[in-house]
Amino acid sequence: MKIYNYGKFPEGIEYTYGEISELSSDYDLDYLKDFDEVYYWYAEAGYEGMGNLIGILNGKWYMHNMGHCSCYGPLEELDISDKNAYDSLEELKNSCSKGLIVEVMPLIEMARVKG
């Protein structure tokens, strides 16, 4: 498994929430153990967080919004069911709204370069 942290807020959106952070706890990383590659950005403020993740698992691409409150963590609601699977990175990109594409485009570009 390869994990790449974008390490900053995506450009083009004003964020006044929290500070950029890493997914480093065994608890969080356990959710990602089966992925081949993961690309993400994440910010946290206390017990809350926000961010986005894309990853490839068994040849399928997945996207996950890591926004959460104190009731759960950034990956606890990760859904890797068929309804959230894309056959290609381009298909995943084309599924994004104009607002979402701004948040995930840096991750898509990382995946194209590193993957």
C-alpha atoms as a PDB file:
ATOM      1  CA  MET A   1       0.000   0.000   0.000  1.00  0.00           C
ATOM      2  CA  LYS A   2       1.222   3.459  -0.905  1.00  0.00           C
ATOM      3  CA  ILE A   3      -0.263   6.502   0.810  1.00  0.00           C
ATOM      4  CA  TYR A   4       0.314  10.024  -0.480  1.00  0.00           C
ATOM      5  CA  ASN A   5      -0.683  13.073   1.558  1.00  0.00           C
ATOM      6  CA  TYR A   6      -1.209  16.247  -0.491  1.00  0.00           C
ATOM      7  CA  GLY A   7      -0.226  18.088   2.691  1.00  0.00           C
ATOM      8  CA  LYS A   8      -2.105  21.348   2.141  1.00  0.00           C
ATOM      9  CA  PHE A   9      -5.520  22.756   1.400  1.00  0.00           C
ATOM     10  CA  PRO A  10      -6.453  22.621  -2.301  1.00  0.00           C
ATOM     11  CA  GLU A  11      -6.041  25.950  -4.082  1.00  0.00           C
ATOM     12  CA  GLY A  12      -9.094  27.911  -5.092  1.00  0.00           C
ATOM     13  CA  ILE A  13     -11.103  27.412  -1.928  1.00  0.00           C
ATOM     14  CA  GLU A  14     -10.803  29.457   1.250  1.00  0.00           C
ATOM     15  CA  TYR A  15     -10.493  27.201   4.269  1.00  0.00           C
ATOM     16  CA  THR A  16     -10.513  28.665   7.744  1.00  0.00           C
ATOM     17  CA  TYR A  17     -10.981  25.335   9.413  1.00  0.00           C
ATOM     18  CA  GLY A  18      -8.333  23.480  11.355  1.00  0.00           C
ATOM     19  CA  GLU A  19      -4.819  22.574  10.345  1.00  0.00           C
ATOM     20  CA  ILE A  20      -3.501  20.132   7.780  1.00  0.00           C
ATOM     21  CA  SER A  21      -2.798  16.768   9.327  1.00  0.00           C
ATOM     22  CA  GLU A  22      -1.805  13.218   8.430  1.00  0.00           C
ATOM     23  CA  LEU A  23      -3.614   9.935   8.749  1.00  0.00           C
ATOM     24  CA  SER A  24      -1.128   8.121  10.903  1.00  0.00           C
ATOM     25  CA  SER A  25      -2.932   6.157  13.590  1.00  0.00           C
ATOM     26  CA  ASP A  26      -3.160   2.399  13.235  1.00  0.00           C
ATOM     27  CA  TYR A  27      -6.916   2.801  13.696  1.00  0.00           C
ATOM     28  CA  ASP A  28      -7.223   5.019  10.597  1.00  0.00           C
ATOM     29  CA  LEU A  29      -4.678   3.124   8.516  1.00  0.00           C
ATOM     30  CA  ASP A  30      -6.486  -0.161   9.129  1.00  0.00           C
ATOM     31  CA  TYR A  31      -9.352   1.115   6.952  1.00  0.00           C
ATOM     32  CA  LEU A  32      -6.904   1.548   4.059  1.00  0.00           C
ATOM     33  CA  LYS A  33      -4.936  -1.694   4.372  1.00  0.00           C
ATOM     34  CA  ASP A  34      -6.413  -3.314   1.260  1.00  0.00           C
ATOM     35  CA  PHE A  35      -5.913  -0.316  -1.054  1.00  0.00           C
ATOM     36  CA  ASP A  36      -3.068  -0.355  -3.564  1.00  0.00           C
ATOM     37  CA  GLU A  37      -2.685   3.436  -3.511  1.00  0.00           C
ATOM     38  CA  VAL A  38      -4.346   6.270  -1.599  1.00  0.00           C
ATOM     39  CA  TYR A  39      -4.165  10.027  -2.194  1.00  0.00           C
ATOM     40  CA  TYR A  40      -5.634  12.458   0.313  1.00  0.00           C
ATOM     41  CA  TRP A  41      -5.652  15.803   2.048  1.00  0.00           C
ATOM     42  CA  TYR A  42      -6.993  16.136   5.576  1.00  0.00           C
ATOM     43  CA  ALA A  43      -7.398  18.899   8.152  1.00  0.00           C
ATOM     44  CA  GLU A  44      -8.481  18.567  11.745  1.00  0.00           C
ATOM     45  CA  ALA A  45      -9.597  20.874  14.503  1.00  0.00           C
ATOM     46  CA  GLY A  46     -10.014  19.169  17.828  1.00  0.00           C
ATOM     47  CA  TYR A  47     -12.247  16.168  17.343  1.00  0.00           C
ATOM     48  CA  GLU A  48     -13.578  17.273  13.954  1.00  0.00           C
ATOM     49  CA  GLY A  49     -12.043  17.047  10.514  1.00  0.00           C
ATOM     50  CA  MET A  50     -12.454  17.612   6.803  1.00  0.00           C
ATOM     51  CA  GLY A  51     -10.757  16.389   3.659  1.00  0.00           C
ATOM     52  CA  ASN A  52     -10.972  14.132   0.635  1.00  0.00           C
ATOM     53  CA  LEU A  53      -9.451  10.832  -0.350  1.00  0.00           C
ATOM     54  CA  ILE A  54      -9.223   8.889  -3.591  1.00  0.00           C
ATOM     55  CA  GLY A  55      -7.765   5.431  -3.852  1.00  0.00           C
ATOM     56  CA  ILE A  56      -7.464   2.370  -6.011  1.00  0.00           C
ATOM     57  CA  LEU A  57      -8.498  -1.058  -4.796  1.00  0.00           C
ATOM     58  CA  ASN A  58      -8.612  -4.175  -6.983  1.00  0.00           C
ATOM     59  CA  GLY A  59      -8.471  -2.073 -10.141  1.00  0.00           C
ATOM     60  CA  LYS A  60     -11.381   0.184  -9.113  1.00  0.00           C
ATOM     61  CA  TRP A  61     -11.193   3.841  -8.040  1.00  0.00           C
ATOM     62  CA  TYR A  62     -13.001   5.151  -4.958  1.00  0.00           C
ATOM     63  CA  MET A  63     -13.574   8.625  -3.534  1.00  0.00           C
ATOM     64  CA  HIS A  64     -14.361   9.474   0.081  1.00  0.00           C
ATOM     65  CA  ASN A  65     -15.250  12.711   1.853  1.00  0.00           C
ATOM     66  CA  MET A  66     -13.376  12.620   5.177  1.00  0.00           C
ATOM     67  CA  GLY A  67     -15.480  15.312   6.837  1.00  0.00           C
ATOM     68  CA  HIS A  68     -16.567  14.211  10.294  1.00  0.00           C
ATOM     69  CA  CYS A  69     -17.692  15.348  13.707  1.00  0.00           C
ATOM     70  CA  SER A  70     -16.554  13.975  17.038  1.00  0.00           C
ATOM     71  CA  CYS A  71     -18.937  11.008  16.708  1.00  0.00           C
ATOM     72  CA  TYR A  72     -16.693   9.197  14.238  1.00  0.00           C
ATOM     73  CA  GLY A  73     -13.343   9.493  12.490  1.00  0.00           C
ATOM     74  CA  PRO A  74     -12.308  10.431   8.948  1.00  0.00           C
ATOM     75  CA  LEU A  75     -12.491   6.895   7.560  1.00  0.00           C
ATOM     76  CA  GLU A  76     -15.184   5.160   9.595  1.00  0.00           C
ATOM     77  CA  GLU A  77     -17.796   5.765   6.896  1.00  0.00           C
ATOM     78  CA  LEU A  78     -15.535   4.702   4.008  1.00  0.00           C
ATOM     79  CA  ASP A  79     -17.753   2.850   1.524  1.00  0.00           C
ATOM     80  CA  ILE A  80     -15.992   0.525  -0.913  1.00  0.00           C
ATOM     81  CA  SER A  81     -19.174  -0.996  -2.319  1.00  0.00           C
ATOM     82  CA  ASP A  82     -19.746  -1.398  -6.043  1.00  0.00           C
ATOM     83  CA  LYS A  83     -22.027   1.657  -6.122  1.00  0.00           C
ATOM     84  CA  ASN A  84     -19.007   3.842  -5.277  1.00  0.00           C
ATOM     85  CA  ALA A  85     -16.523   2.146  -7.621  1.00  0.00           C
ATOM     86  CA  TYR A  86     -15.225   3.717 -10.815  1.00  0.00           C
ATOM     87  CA  ASP A  87     -13.441   1.840 -13.593  1.00  0.00           C
ATOM     88  CA  SER A  88     -10.940   4.639 -14.194  1.00  0.00           C
ATOM     89  CA  LEU A  89      -9.577   7.800 -12.668  1.00  0.00           C
ATOM     90  CA  GLU A  90     -11.165   9.730 -15.543  1.00  0.00           C
ATOM     91  CA  GLU A  91     -14.576   8.231 -14.778  1.00  0.00           C
ATOM     92  CA  LEU A  92     -14.167   9.230 -11.121  1.00  0.00           C
ATOM     93  CA  LYS A  93     -13.232  12.765 -12.184  1.00  0.00           C
ATOM     94  CA  ASN A  94     -16.229  13.031 -14.505  1.00  0.00           C
ATOM     95  CA  SER A  95     -18.568  12.083 -11.646  1.00  0.00           C
ATOM     96  CA  CYS A  96     -17.568  15.167  -9.622  1.00  0.00           C
ATOM     97  CA  SER A  97     -19.599  18.338  -9.387  1.00  0.00           C
ATOM     98  CA  LYS A  98     -17.881  21.641 -10.218  1.00  0.00           C
ATOM     99  CA  GLY A  99     -17.435  22.368  -6.507  1.00  0.00           C
ATOM    100  CA  LEU A 100     -16.065  18.947  -5.656  1.00  0.00           C
ATOM    101  CA  ILE A 101     -13.628  18.858  -8.556  1.00  0.00           C
ATOM    102  CA  VAL A 102     -11.771  21.836  -7.041  1.00  0.00           C
ATOM    103  CA  GLU A 103     -11.264  19.847  -3.839  1.00  0.00           C
ATOM    104  CA  VAL A 104     -10.184  16.563  -5.460  1.00  0.00           C
ATOM    105  CA  MET A 105      -8.305  17.737  -8.564  1.00  0.00           C
ATOM    106  CA  PRO A 106      -4.962  17.938  -6.715  1.00  0.00           C
ATOM    107  CA  LEU A 107      -5.449  14.303  -5.690  1.00  0.00           C
ATOM    108  CA  ILE A 108      -6.328  13.255  -9.230  1.00  0.00           C
ATOM    109  CA  GLU A 109      -3.201  14.979 -10.514  1.00  0.00           C
ATOM    110  CA  MET A 110      -1.068  13.251  -7.846  1.00  0.00           C
ATOM    111  CA  ALA A 111      -2.519   9.902  -8.886  1.00  0.00           C
ATOM    112  CA  ARG A 112      -1.698  10.575 -12.536  1.00  0.00           C
ATOM    113  CA  VAL A 113       1.909  11.484 -11.706  1.00  0.00           C
ATOM    114  CA  LYS A 114       2.716   8.920  -9.011  1.00  0.00           C
ATOM    115  CA  GLY A 115       0.412   6.061  -9.985  1.00  0.00           C
END
